[in-house]
Every structure is written in C-alpha cells, then in structure tokens.
Amino acid sequence: MKRTAADDIRTIVESFLGERAPLRVTCWDGSSFGDPGATVGITVTSPTAPRRLLWNPGELGLGRAYVAGEIELHGSIFDLLGLRDQVGGRDDDVALRLGLRDWWSFLGSVRRLGAIGPRPTPPPQEARLRGRRHSKARDAAAIRHHYDVGNDFYRLVLGPTMTYSCAYFPEPGTTLDQAQELKYELICRKLGLERGMRLLDVGCGWGGMVLHAAQQHGVEAVGITISAQQADLARQRVSEAGLGGRVEIRLQDYRDIDDGPFDAISSIGMFEHVGLEQLTAYLGQLRRLLQSGGRLVNHAISRPRGVGGFDRDSFVARYVFPDGQLHEAGRVVSALQDEGLECRDVESLREHYARTLRQWVANLEANWDEAVALVGAPRARIWLLYMAGSALGFEANRLNVHQVLATNTAPDGRSRMPATRAGFVTAATGADADPSEPRVLDHAHT
C-alpha cells in the first residue's frame, strides 16, 4: 500500500502529543488520520510545516507554520490549545520536548516527507529588533511592532472603549464595555482622585483612563505613549469629548517626563514593556514625579513564583511582545519599597483577565473577515493564537495580573489613605456609592 503524508505526520503528532490526542488531522495530499468524532482538528497544507518543527521543535516552529498558513486550525481554538496539557509543564511558553527515541522517529518521518532542508524563512510578521535592549529607540520599535497595526483592527477586537488591558467584572452579567469602565473607576478610587488633581497615566494607550478620570473625577490629566497611532486616536477622542483643556496626550517616553509633580500616577498594562533591568529606573522615575502623599497604581501582568516570563524564543516574544518581560508580584512590591514608595494594597485580577481575553477572542472571531481585510490573515492568526493561549494561561495560573497600590508617603508618616479598602469607594465617590454598580458613562468620544 502506498505510503501517504498522513502516515508520517501521524508519527510526528504522536511524538509530541501521544497516541490518543482527540483531534483529526488532514494532510496536503488529502490523506488523514485521527479521531473521526473529534470536534477539533488541523490541516497540514505544506511539508514546510514539519521542516519548521525540525528546526524549532516547539511552540515557535508550530506558531511560524500557523502564521504562514502551513497549518490550519478547525474547531474551538481553546480546545485545540488545551491539548498542550497532555504534554505537561506549567510554563506559558511550553516547549514540546522529545526523547531520543522519539527524535529518531521524528527525523525519519521528516526525511520520508521530503521536508529535510534549509531553515525556512520566518514569516515577515516576526519582530526583528536592533540595538541595545530597552534603549529608547528599541523600546519604540517594540511598541510600534505591537500597537501600530491599525486602530480599526484594535476597535474590532477591543470594542468601543478601546481598552487593551484586563477588565473588571464584579457581576456575572457585566458586559465588556461596562467592565472596562469599572476597571478605570476602580483605579480612580484607589488613587483617591478628586477634582483639580493632576494625574499622569503612563502608557495611556488610546486614552481610556485619562478620559474616564477627567470626565468622572474632574482631574487634569496627562497621558503618554510611544505609539504614534495610539497618540493620534487618543487626541481625537479627547477633542471629541470636549476635554482638550484638561487632558493632554503626549508622544513621549517615560524617561523624558520632567514636569512633575503629579498628585497621582497610573500605569496600566505598560509595565510589561519596561524590562527587568529597567525596573529600578522606572519606579525611581515615577517616585520623583509623584507628589509627597500621592498615590501610584501599577496594573500589570505578572508571573507566579517559579514560572518564567516571555522566553526570547517563544511565540509571544517573537510575534506579539518583543522584549516584553513579566515580573513576579513580590519582586514588584520589594522594588517599589526599595525606591521609597510604600506598598498599601495588592489585588489579583487573574480570573478577570481570562474573561476579558475570551471576550476579545469572541470579538475577533465574529469579525474575522473584516479583521483579515484590515491586517491580513497572518496577523489576525497571531492575535487569535496569543489571546486564546493567554486566556488559558490565566485560567491555569501560568499568568496573573496584579494591581499594586503604593504611596509616596510624606516624611511625617501621613499617607492620607482610608482606613479600609471600603474607603477606596468613599474617598472617590461618596459614602453611599456602590462599587459594583456600573455607572452611566458617555461613550460619544469613542
């Protein structure tokens, strides 16, 4: 009987996932194998896919093949990525490892498929940064790679709030848009914002936090970003909201801010880009910019103790967050206090981020054709893969997200902090406010 591509692809798949993986696999010659009743499956459209695995036998090789269209996925992306649990491991960047016997079997299959050859060129969507890591120029290039892919694409995924960070779902029926506004409100309350205060939002994105703080709390706000596309849309949203006199959007690196002090500082979803070696410099700069007695909220993805961040050869590092690094929450607390800031509250929103990501995935899948038209199929695949994989990472505690509240406590020891967490509500909105009640907010500026 003539040997088919499926005979050797089966060997490769089973080397990585075992013999009982519940999926159906179809190959470029029409041959197939696997569970006929499986609800998920893959199509291998080219022998270049196993060649990529030969050179990068793990998630990077698989990711490159998927981005290039050499592997197509069918069924629930969450169920497909859930197969990773069959190979064990806790790292978010699961490296699929083969034993010596499996390697010989794998190599034989690749040879029979005619797939042995030079290393395939990575898809052009892969980041190629140059220069010293976390220099201003390289950080700007990393941010452009991730954020300057088109505001219309992000609007499809994120919804009208244009908020690209973990939302806050206090009730089962809370919608994504409500949850994003409630997240901003939660941070505003932790910061104790009052009318006339001066707020700095570091990594302001498309302006959601500064708009909310100005509209709902009457502050004067400065938002900074090093993404030109974000800055352009944020300024447009500020203008449309009639807040040009109270909100300023700057295309500026945090290292270049020199017009403090600010009464409060928020950093939401930016800390992941700072880098381990810049941790002290970053927090030191924020402390210098913060008024005595002022508050800082650092909202960032974190890693559990003993779990790595974004490995440089991971799919996420190559295609999504080049140079991104995750910090362990305890280290962040220690670093804040080493810089003279007093840590007052730490809150995990891990399950909230899983729910946020699942809703972003649903938005992308519901608008798939339009997304592909805007950014192309390869980049749409990148975002689908990374968001779904991240959702599973948060659900499995391979990833976490923490809001850390710190104060630049005055020399006399007075912090102006409320006595309990309930005071986050009364300090910002009055004693009768219900923190779980979504507020009626103006979305006209979106």
Protein backbone atom coordinates (compact mmCIF):
# COMPACT_ATOMS: atom_id res chain seq x y z
CA MET A 1 0.00 0.00 0.00
CA LYS A 2 1.36 3.40 -0.98
CA ARG A 3 2.62 5.46 1.94
CA THR A 4 0.79 8.77 2.44
CA ALA A 5 1.75 12.02 4.11
CA ALA A 6 -0.60 11.15 6.95
CA ASP A 7 1.50 8.08 7.85
CA ASP A 8 4.46 10.28 8.69
CA ILE A 9 2.55 13.28 10.03
CA ARG A 10 0.84 10.86 12.42
CA THR A 11 4.25 9.81 13.73
CA ILE A 12 5.22 13.45 14.25
CA VAL A 13 1.97 14.36 16.01
CA GLU A 14 2.10 11.32 18.25
CA SER A 15 5.72 12.04 19.13
CA PHE A 16 4.59 15.33 20.64
CA LEU A 17 1.05 14.67 21.87
CA GLY A 18 0.83 10.91 22.30
CA GLU A 19 -1.39 8.41 20.53
CA ARG A 20 -4.73 9.43 21.98
CA ALA A 21 -4.91 13.14 21.25
CA PRO A 22 -8.60 13.81 20.44
CA LEU A 23 -8.20 15.54 17.09
CA ARG A 24 -8.46 14.91 13.36
CA VAL A 25 -5.51 15.68 11.08
CA THR A 26 -5.68 16.14 7.30
CA CYS A 27 -2.59 16.49 5.09
CA TRP A 28 -1.77 18.28 1.85
CA ASP A 29 -2.21 15.10 -0.22
CA GLY A 30 -5.74 14.55 1.12
CA SER A 31 -4.77 11.75 3.50
CA SER A 32 -5.91 11.96 7.11
CA PHE A 33 -5.88 10.23 10.48
CA GLY A 34 -7.20 10.64 13.98
CA ASP A 35 -10.47 10.51 15.84
CA PRO A 36 -13.32 10.81 13.28
CA GLY A 37 -15.60 12.14 16.02
CA ALA A 38 -13.17 14.82 17.20
CA THR A 39 -14.58 18.34 17.43
CA VAL A 40 -11.18 19.90 16.68
CA GLY A 41 -8.62 19.27 14.01
CA ILE A 42 -5.78 20.61 11.93
CA THR A 43 -4.90 20.61 8.26
CA VAL A 44 -1.20 20.49 7.36
CA THR A 45 -1.12 22.26 3.98
CA SER A 46 2.60 22.02 3.21
CA PRO A 47 5.67 19.89 4.03
CA THR A 48 7.29 23.13 5.12
CA ALA A 49 5.38 22.78 8.42
CA PRO A 50 7.30 19.67 9.59
CA ARG A 51 10.52 21.30 8.37
CA ARG A 52 9.83 24.22 10.70
CA LEU A 53 9.41 21.74 13.55
CA LEU A 54 12.71 20.14 12.62
CA TRP A 55 14.48 23.47 13.11
CA ASN A 56 12.34 24.71 16.02
CA PRO A 57 10.70 21.68 17.69
CA GLY A 58 8.27 23.50 19.91
CA GLU A 59 5.75 26.29 20.01
CA LEU A 60 7.87 28.63 17.85
CA GLY A 61 8.00 26.13 14.98
CA LEU A 62 4.28 25.41 15.28
CA GLY A 63 3.50 29.12 15.58
CA ARG A 64 5.50 30.01 12.49
CA ALA A 65 3.75 27.30 10.48
CA TYR A 66 0.35 28.56 11.64
CA VAL A 67 1.13 32.20 10.87
CA ALA A 68 2.41 31.21 7.40
CA GLY A 69 -0.77 29.24 6.66
CA GLU A 70 1.07 25.90 6.56
CA ILE A 71 -1.17 24.68 9.38
CA GLU A 72 -4.88 25.48 9.56
CA LEU A 73 -6.93 25.02 12.72
CA HIS A 74 -10.53 23.78 12.90
CA GLY A 75 -12.93 23.91 15.81
CA SER A 76 -12.55 25.71 19.12
CA ILE A 77 -9.18 27.44 19.42
CA PHE A 78 -9.41 26.93 23.20
CA ASP A 79 -9.94 23.16 22.86
CA LEU A 80 -7.05 22.91 20.41
CA LEU A 81 -4.65 24.82 22.62
CA GLY A 82 -5.88 22.82 25.59
CA LEU A 83 -4.16 19.78 24.06
CA ARG A 84 -0.91 21.28 25.37
CA ASP A 85 -1.81 20.00 28.81
CA GLN A 86 -1.23 16.48 27.54
CA VAL A 87 2.50 17.21 27.25
CA GLY A 88 2.64 18.57 30.84
CA GLY A 89 4.55 21.54 32.14
CA ARG A 90 3.49 24.86 33.67
CA ASP A 91 5.42 27.40 31.65
CA ASP A 92 3.32 29.65 29.47
CA ASP A 93 5.92 29.05 26.75
CA VAL A 94 5.52 25.27 26.78
CA ALA A 95 8.46 23.74 24.95
CA LEU A 96 7.47 20.47 23.35
CA ARG A 97 10.30 18.11 24.19
CA LEU A 98 11.17 14.81 22.53
CA GLY A 99 13.10 11.91 23.96
CA LEU A 100 15.96 10.35 21.96
CA ARG A 101 13.81 7.53 20.56
CA ASP A 102 11.09 9.99 19.51
CA TRP A 103 13.73 12.17 17.82
CA TRP A 104 14.88 9.30 15.60
CA SER A 105 11.29 8.52 14.69
CA PHE A 106 10.60 12.20 14.05
CA LEU A 107 13.67 12.60 11.82
CA GLY A 108 12.73 9.53 9.81
CA SER A 109 9.25 10.89 9.18
CA VAL A 110 10.57 14.30 8.14
CA ARG A 111 13.03 12.64 5.74
CA ARG A 112 10.34 10.49 4.10
CA LEU A 113 8.15 13.58 3.68
CA GLY A 114 10.98 15.26 1.77
CA ALA A 115 10.96 18.03 4.35
CA ILE A 116 14.63 17.99 5.33
CA GLY A 117 16.29 21.13 4.06
CA PRO A 118 17.43 24.65 4.95
CA ARG A 119 15.76 26.53 7.79
CA PRO A 120 12.56 28.09 6.39
CA THR A 121 12.43 31.88 6.43
CA PRO A 122 10.26 33.10 9.32
CA PRO A 123 7.03 34.90 8.35
CA PRO A 124 7.61 38.64 7.86
CA GLN A 125 5.34 39.45 10.81
CA GLU A 126 8.06 38.24 13.21
CA ALA A 127 9.75 41.06 15.14
CA ARG A 128 13.32 41.92 14.17
CA LEU A 129 14.55 44.49 16.65
CA ARG A 130 18.00 46.02 16.59
CA GLY A 131 20.12 47.93 19.10
CA ARG A 132 20.53 47.77 22.86
CA ARG A 133 17.64 46.12 24.64
CA HIS A 134 15.33 48.65 26.32
CA SER A 135 17.08 51.64 24.82
CA LYS A 136 14.57 54.34 23.90
CA ALA A 137 14.90 53.60 20.19
CA ARG A 138 14.47 49.85 20.59
CA ASP A 139 11.54 50.24 23.01
CA ALA A 140 9.85 52.50 20.46
CA ALA A 141 10.37 49.87 17.76
CA ALA A 142 8.93 47.15 20.01
CA ILE A 143 5.86 49.27 20.72
CA ARG A 144 5.37 50.04 17.02
CA HIS A 145 5.52 46.33 16.25
CA HIS A 146 2.70 45.54 18.65
CA TYR A 147 0.45 48.59 18.69
CA ASP A 148 0.80 50.27 15.31
CA VAL A 149 -1.10 47.59 13.40
CA GLY A 150 -4.15 49.77 12.85
CA ASN A 151 -6.63 51.40 15.19
CA ASP A 152 -9.57 49.95 13.24
CA PHE A 153 -8.30 46.43 13.89
CA TYR A 154 -7.99 47.08 17.61
CA ARG A 155 -11.50 48.55 17.66
CA LEU A 156 -12.86 45.27 16.23
CA VAL A 157 -11.17 43.29 18.98
CA LEU A 158 -11.46 45.60 21.98
CA GLY A 159 -14.84 47.20 21.38
CA PRO A 160 -15.78 50.89 21.73
CA THR A 161 -13.80 51.54 24.92
CA MET A 162 -10.55 50.81 23.03
CA THR A 163 -9.09 49.46 26.26
CA TYR A 164 -6.29 46.92 25.92
CA SER A 165 -5.89 45.69 29.49
CA CYS A 166 -7.69 43.48 31.98
CA ALA A 167 -11.31 44.48 32.60
CA TYR A 168 -13.10 44.23 35.97
CA PHE A 169 -16.25 42.07 36.16
CA PRO A 170 -17.85 42.44 39.62
CA GLU A 171 -21.08 40.71 38.50
CA PRO A 172 -21.79 37.78 36.11
CA GLY A 173 -23.86 39.99 33.82
CA THR A 174 -21.33 42.78 33.47
CA THR A 175 -20.60 43.50 29.81
CA LEU A 176 -17.07 44.01 28.46
CA ASP A 177 -17.61 47.75 27.97
CA GLN A 178 -19.01 48.14 31.49
CA ALA A 179 -16.15 46.06 32.89
CA GLN A 180 -13.52 48.26 31.27
CA GLU A 181 -15.10 51.42 32.65
CA LEU A 182 -15.41 49.75 36.06
CA LYS A 183 -11.70 48.90 35.91
CA TYR A 184 -10.88 52.56 35.33
CA GLU A 185 -13.22 53.52 38.15
CA LEU A 186 -11.60 51.01 40.49
CA ILE A 187 -8.19 52.53 39.76
CA CYS A 188 -9.51 56.07 40.17
CA ARG A 189 -10.86 55.16 43.58
CA LYS A 190 -7.62 53.54 44.64
CA LEU A 191 -5.81 56.71 43.58
CA GLY A 192 -8.26 58.83 45.57
CA LEU A 193 -8.82 61.17 42.63
CA GLU A 194 -10.57 64.47 43.34
CA ARG A 195 -11.44 67.47 41.22
CA GLY A 196 -8.43 69.61 40.38
CA MET A 197 -5.84 66.89 40.96
CA ARG A 198 -3.12 66.31 38.39
CA LEU A 199 -2.93 62.73 37.02
CA LEU A 200 -0.19 61.10 34.94
CA ASP A 201 -1.14 57.95 33.01
CA VAL A 202 2.00 56.16 31.81
CA GLY A 203 1.34 54.12 28.68
CA CYS A 204 -2.05 55.73 28.09
CA GLY A 205 -2.97 53.67 25.04
CA TRP A 206 -5.92 55.20 23.23
CA GLY A 207 -6.74 57.45 26.17
CA GLY A 208 -9.34 55.48 28.11
CA MET A 209 -8.01 56.14 31.61
CA VAL A 210 -7.40 59.87 31.20
CA LEU A 211 -10.80 60.34 29.57
CA HIS A 212 -12.55 58.49 32.39
CA ALA A 213 -10.63 60.30 35.13
CA ALA A 214 -11.28 63.72 33.61
CA GLN A 215 -14.97 63.08 32.91
CA GLN A 216 -15.87 61.31 36.13
CA HIS A 217 -13.47 62.88 38.65
CA GLY A 218 -12.63 66.30 37.25
CA VAL A 219 -8.85 65.86 37.17
CA GLU A 220 -6.26 67.48 34.92
CA ALA A 221 -4.62 64.57 33.11
CA VAL A 222 -1.51 63.85 31.07
CA GLY A 223 -1.31 60.60 29.11
CA ILE A 224 1.90 59.44 27.49
CA THR A 225 2.53 56.74 24.87
CA ILE A 226 5.30 55.98 22.39
CA SER A 227 2.85 54.63 19.80
CA ALA A 228 2.09 57.29 17.18
CA GLN A 229 -1.16 55.61 16.16
CA GLN A 230 -2.36 55.46 19.75
CA ALA A 231 -1.48 59.11 20.34
CA ASP A 232 -3.32 60.25 17.20
CA LEU A 233 -6.55 58.48 18.13
CA ALA A 234 -6.30 59.41 21.81
CA ARG A 235 -6.01 63.10 20.88
CA GLN A 236 -9.02 62.74 18.59
CA ARG A 237 -11.06 61.15 21.38
CA VAL A 238 -10.05 63.91 23.81
CA SER A 239 -11.11 66.56 21.32
CA GLU A 240 -14.44 64.86 20.60
CA ALA A 241 -15.12 64.63 24.33
CA GLY A 242 -14.52 68.39 24.72
CA LEU A 243 -11.66 67.80 27.14
CA GLY A 244 -8.85 69.49 25.24
CA GLY A 245 -8.36 72.00 28.03
CA ARG A 246 -7.96 69.36 30.74
CA VAL A 247 -6.38 66.34 29.05
CA GLU A 248 -3.04 66.30 27.24
CA ILE A 249 -1.80 63.34 25.18
CA ARG A 250 1.93 63.20 24.55
CA LEU A 251 4.08 61.05 22.28
CA GLN A 252 6.74 60.69 24.95
CA ASP A 253 8.98 58.13 26.65
CA TYR A 254 8.51 57.89 30.42
CA ARG A 255 12.21 58.65 30.85
CA ASP A 256 11.69 62.10 29.32
CA ILE A 257 8.92 63.40 31.62
CA ASP A 258 10.24 66.38 33.57
CA ASP A 259 7.18 68.40 34.59
CA GLY A 260 6.15 66.76 37.85
CA PRO A 261 4.93 66.60 40.46
CA PHE A 262 1.66 64.78 39.85
CA ASP A 263 -0.91 64.08 42.56
CA ALA A 264 -1.47 60.56 41.23
CA ILE A 265 0.08 58.20 38.67
CA SER A 266 -1.48 55.23 36.90
CA SER A 267 0.43 52.66 34.88
CA ILE A 268 -1.99 50.21 33.24
CA GLY A 269 -0.68 47.43 31.03
CA MET A 270 2.61 49.22 30.35
CA PHE A 271 4.88 47.67 32.99
CA GLU A 272 5.31 44.50 30.89
CA HIS A 273 7.34 46.55 28.39
CA VAL A 274 9.74 48.10 30.93
CA GLY A 275 12.17 45.19 31.28
CA LEU A 276 13.80 43.61 34.31
CA GLU A 277 16.96 45.67 34.02
CA GLN A 278 14.93 48.90 33.90
CA LEU A 279 12.73 48.08 36.90
CA THR A 280 14.60 50.29 39.37
CA ALA A 281 14.97 53.17 36.93
CA TYR A 282 11.27 53.06 36.05
CA LEU A 283 9.97 53.04 39.61
CA GLY A 284 12.52 55.65 40.65
CA GLN A 285 11.32 57.96 37.89
CA LEU A 286 7.69 57.54 38.95
CA ARG A 287 8.57 58.31 42.56
CA ARG A 288 10.36 61.52 41.52
CA LEU A 289 7.27 62.55 39.55
CA LEU A 290 4.84 61.80 42.38
CA GLN A 291 3.79 64.45 44.88
CA SER A 292 4.53 63.79 48.54
CA GLY A 293 1.47 61.91 49.79
CA GLY A 294 0.47 60.99 46.24
CA ARG A 295 -0.61 57.54 45.11
CA LEU A 296 0.55 55.20 42.35
CA VAL A 297 -1.36 52.23 40.89
CA ASN A 298 0.68 49.78 38.85
CA HIS A 299 -1.60 47.40 36.93
CA ALA A 300 0.41 44.71 35.13
CA ILE A 301 0.55 41.10 34.03
CA SER A 302 2.74 39.15 36.43
CA ARG A 303 4.16 35.68 36.67
CA PRO A 304 3.67 33.24 39.53
CA ARG A 305 6.77 32.36 41.51
CA GLY A 306 8.85 29.75 39.71
CA VAL A 307 7.25 30.41 36.32
CA GLY A 308 9.24 32.11 33.58
CA GLY A 309 8.17 35.22 31.70
CA PHE A 310 8.27 35.56 27.92
CA ASP A 311 11.18 33.41 26.74
CA ARG A 312 13.02 35.11 23.87
CA ASP A 313 12.31 32.14 21.59
CA SER A 314 8.64 31.87 22.49
CA PHE A 315 5.87 32.65 20.03
CA VAL A 316 4.71 35.60 22.14
CA ALA A 317 8.19 37.14 22.31
CA ARG A 318 8.77 36.78 18.57
CA TYR A 319 5.35 37.84 17.29
CA VAL A 320 3.45 39.73 19.98
CA PHE A 321 5.52 41.36 22.74
CA PRO A 322 9.13 41.62 21.59
CA ASP A 323 11.35 42.42 24.58
CA GLY A 324 8.36 42.02 26.91
CA GLN A 325 9.17 40.69 30.37
CA LEU A 326 6.95 39.72 33.28
CA HIS A 327 7.72 40.40 36.93
CA GLU A 328 6.77 38.36 39.98
CA ALA A 329 4.41 40.35 42.20
CA GLY A 330 6.57 40.06 45.32
CA ARG A 331 9.55 41.42 43.46
CA VAL A 332 7.49 44.39 42.30
CA VAL A 333 6.43 45.16 45.87
CA SER A 334 10.03 44.95 47.06
CA ALA A 335 11.26 47.15 44.20
CA LEU A 336 8.61 49.79 44.96
CA GLN A 337 9.62 49.93 48.58
CA ASP A 338 13.33 49.96 47.70
CA GLU A 339 12.60 53.16 45.79
CA GLY A 340 10.98 54.78 48.82
CA LEU A 341 7.36 54.08 47.94
CA GLU A 342 5.09 52.44 50.50
CA CYS A 343 3.06 49.46 49.24
CA ARG A 344 -0.51 49.70 50.61
CA ASP A 345 -2.57 47.19 48.64
CA VAL A 346 -2.10 44.28 46.21
CA GLU A 347 -5.07 42.82 44.30
CA SER A 348 -5.06 39.93 41.82
CA LEU A 349 -7.50 40.09 38.90
CA ARG A 350 -6.38 36.83 37.30
CA GLU A 351 -9.83 35.39 36.53
CA HIS A 352 -10.97 38.78 35.26
CA TYR A 353 -8.23 38.77 32.61
CA ALA A 354 -9.20 35.29 31.42
CA ARG A 355 -12.77 36.52 30.93
CA THR A 356 -11.54 39.68 29.18
CA LEU A 357 -9.42 37.68 26.75
CA ARG A 358 -12.20 35.25 25.94
CA GLN A 359 -14.41 38.18 25.00
CA TRP A 360 -11.67 39.68 22.82
CA VAL A 361 -11.31 36.30 21.08
CA ALA A 362 -15.08 36.21 20.52
CA ASN A 363 -14.93 39.72 19.02
CA LEU A 364 -12.11 38.73 16.68
CA GLU A 365 -13.81 35.52 15.55
CA ALA A 366 -17.12 37.33 15.00
CA ASN A 367 -15.36 39.93 12.82
CA TRP A 368 -12.78 37.60 11.25
CA ASP A 369 -13.29 38.56 7.59
CA GLU A 370 -13.08 42.27 8.38
CA ALA A 371 -10.00 41.74 10.55
CA VAL A 372 -8.25 39.84 7.75
CA ALA A 373 -9.14 42.62 5.32
CA LEU A 374 -7.60 45.19 7.68
CA VAL A 375 -4.35 43.48 8.72
CA GLY A 376 -4.05 40.30 6.66
CA ALA A 377 -4.61 36.67 7.62
CA PRO A 378 -1.15 36.12 9.21
CA ARG A 379 -1.52 38.94 11.73
CA ALA A 380 -5.12 38.02 12.51
CA ARG A 381 -3.91 34.47 13.24
CA ILE A 382 -1.20 35.85 15.54
CA TRP A 383 -3.72 37.75 17.63
CA LEU A 384 -6.14 34.82 17.79
CA LEU A 385 -3.43 32.41 18.91
CA TYR A 386 -1.86 34.70 21.50
CA MET A 387 -5.15 35.87 23.06
CA ALA A 388 -6.62 32.38 23.31
CA GLY A 389 -3.37 30.97 24.68
CA SER A 390 -3.14 33.81 27.20
CA ALA A 391 -6.71 33.20 28.38
CA LEU A 392 -5.82 29.58 29.12
CA GLY A 393 -2.63 30.76 30.82
CA PHE A 394 -4.57 32.97 33.23
CA GLU A 395 -7.11 30.23 33.91
CA ALA A 396 -4.34 27.73 34.71
CA ASN A 397 -2.38 30.24 36.88
CA ARG A 398 0.54 30.26 34.45
CA LEU A 399 -0.11 34.01 34.25
CA ASN A 400 -1.53 36.51 36.72
CA VAL A 401 -2.29 40.22 36.80
CA HIS A 402 -1.94 42.46 39.86
CA GLN A 403 -2.91 45.97 40.78
CA VAL A 404 -0.36 47.28 43.26
CA LEU A 405 -1.20 50.49 45.12
CA ALA A 406 1.68 52.46 46.61
CA THR A 407 2.04 55.89 48.17
CA ASN A 408 4.83 58.43 48.24
CA THR A 409 4.30 58.73 51.96
CA ALA A 410 5.10 62.12 53.46
CA PRO A 411 8.13 62.47 55.79
CA ASP A 412 5.83 62.82 58.79
CA GLY A 413 4.31 59.42 58.00
CA ARG A 414 0.89 60.68 56.94
CA SER A 415 -0.35 58.74 53.92
CA ARG A 416 -3.87 60.16 53.57
CA MET A 417 -5.02 56.57 52.95
CA PRO A 418 -8.53 55.46 54.02
CA ALA A 419 -8.67 53.12 56.99
CA THR A 420 -10.00 50.15 54.98
CA ARG A 421 -10.44 49.05 51.39
CA ALA A 422 -14.04 50.27 51.60
CA GLY A 423 -12.52 53.72 51.78
CA PHE A 424 -11.47 53.42 48.16
CA VAL A 425 -15.14 53.96 47.43
CA THR A 426 -15.92 56.75 49.89
CA ALA A 427 -12.72 58.65 49.14
CA ALA A 428 -13.58 58.93 45.47
CA THR A 429 -17.34 58.85 45.11
CA GLY A 430 -19.04 59.37 48.45
CA ALA A 431 -20.12 57.07 51.26
CA ASP A 432 -23.31 55.92 49.54
CA ALA A 433 -21.67 54.76 46.33
CA ASP A 434 -21.98 51.10 45.33
CA PRO A 435 -18.68 49.89 43.84
CA SER A 436 -20.39 47.07 41.95
CA GLU A 437 -22.95 49.31 40.22
CA PRO A 438 -21.95 50.25 36.67
CA ARG A 439 -22.06 54.00 36.20
CA VAL A 440 -23.76 55.64 33.20
CA LEU A 441 -20.85 56.87 31.11
CA ASP A 442 -20.57 58.88 27.94
CA HIS A 443 -19.19 56.78 25.07
CA ALA A 444 -19.59 59.55 22.48
CA HIS A 445 -15.84 60.09 22.45
CA THR A 446 -15.24 56.56 21.16
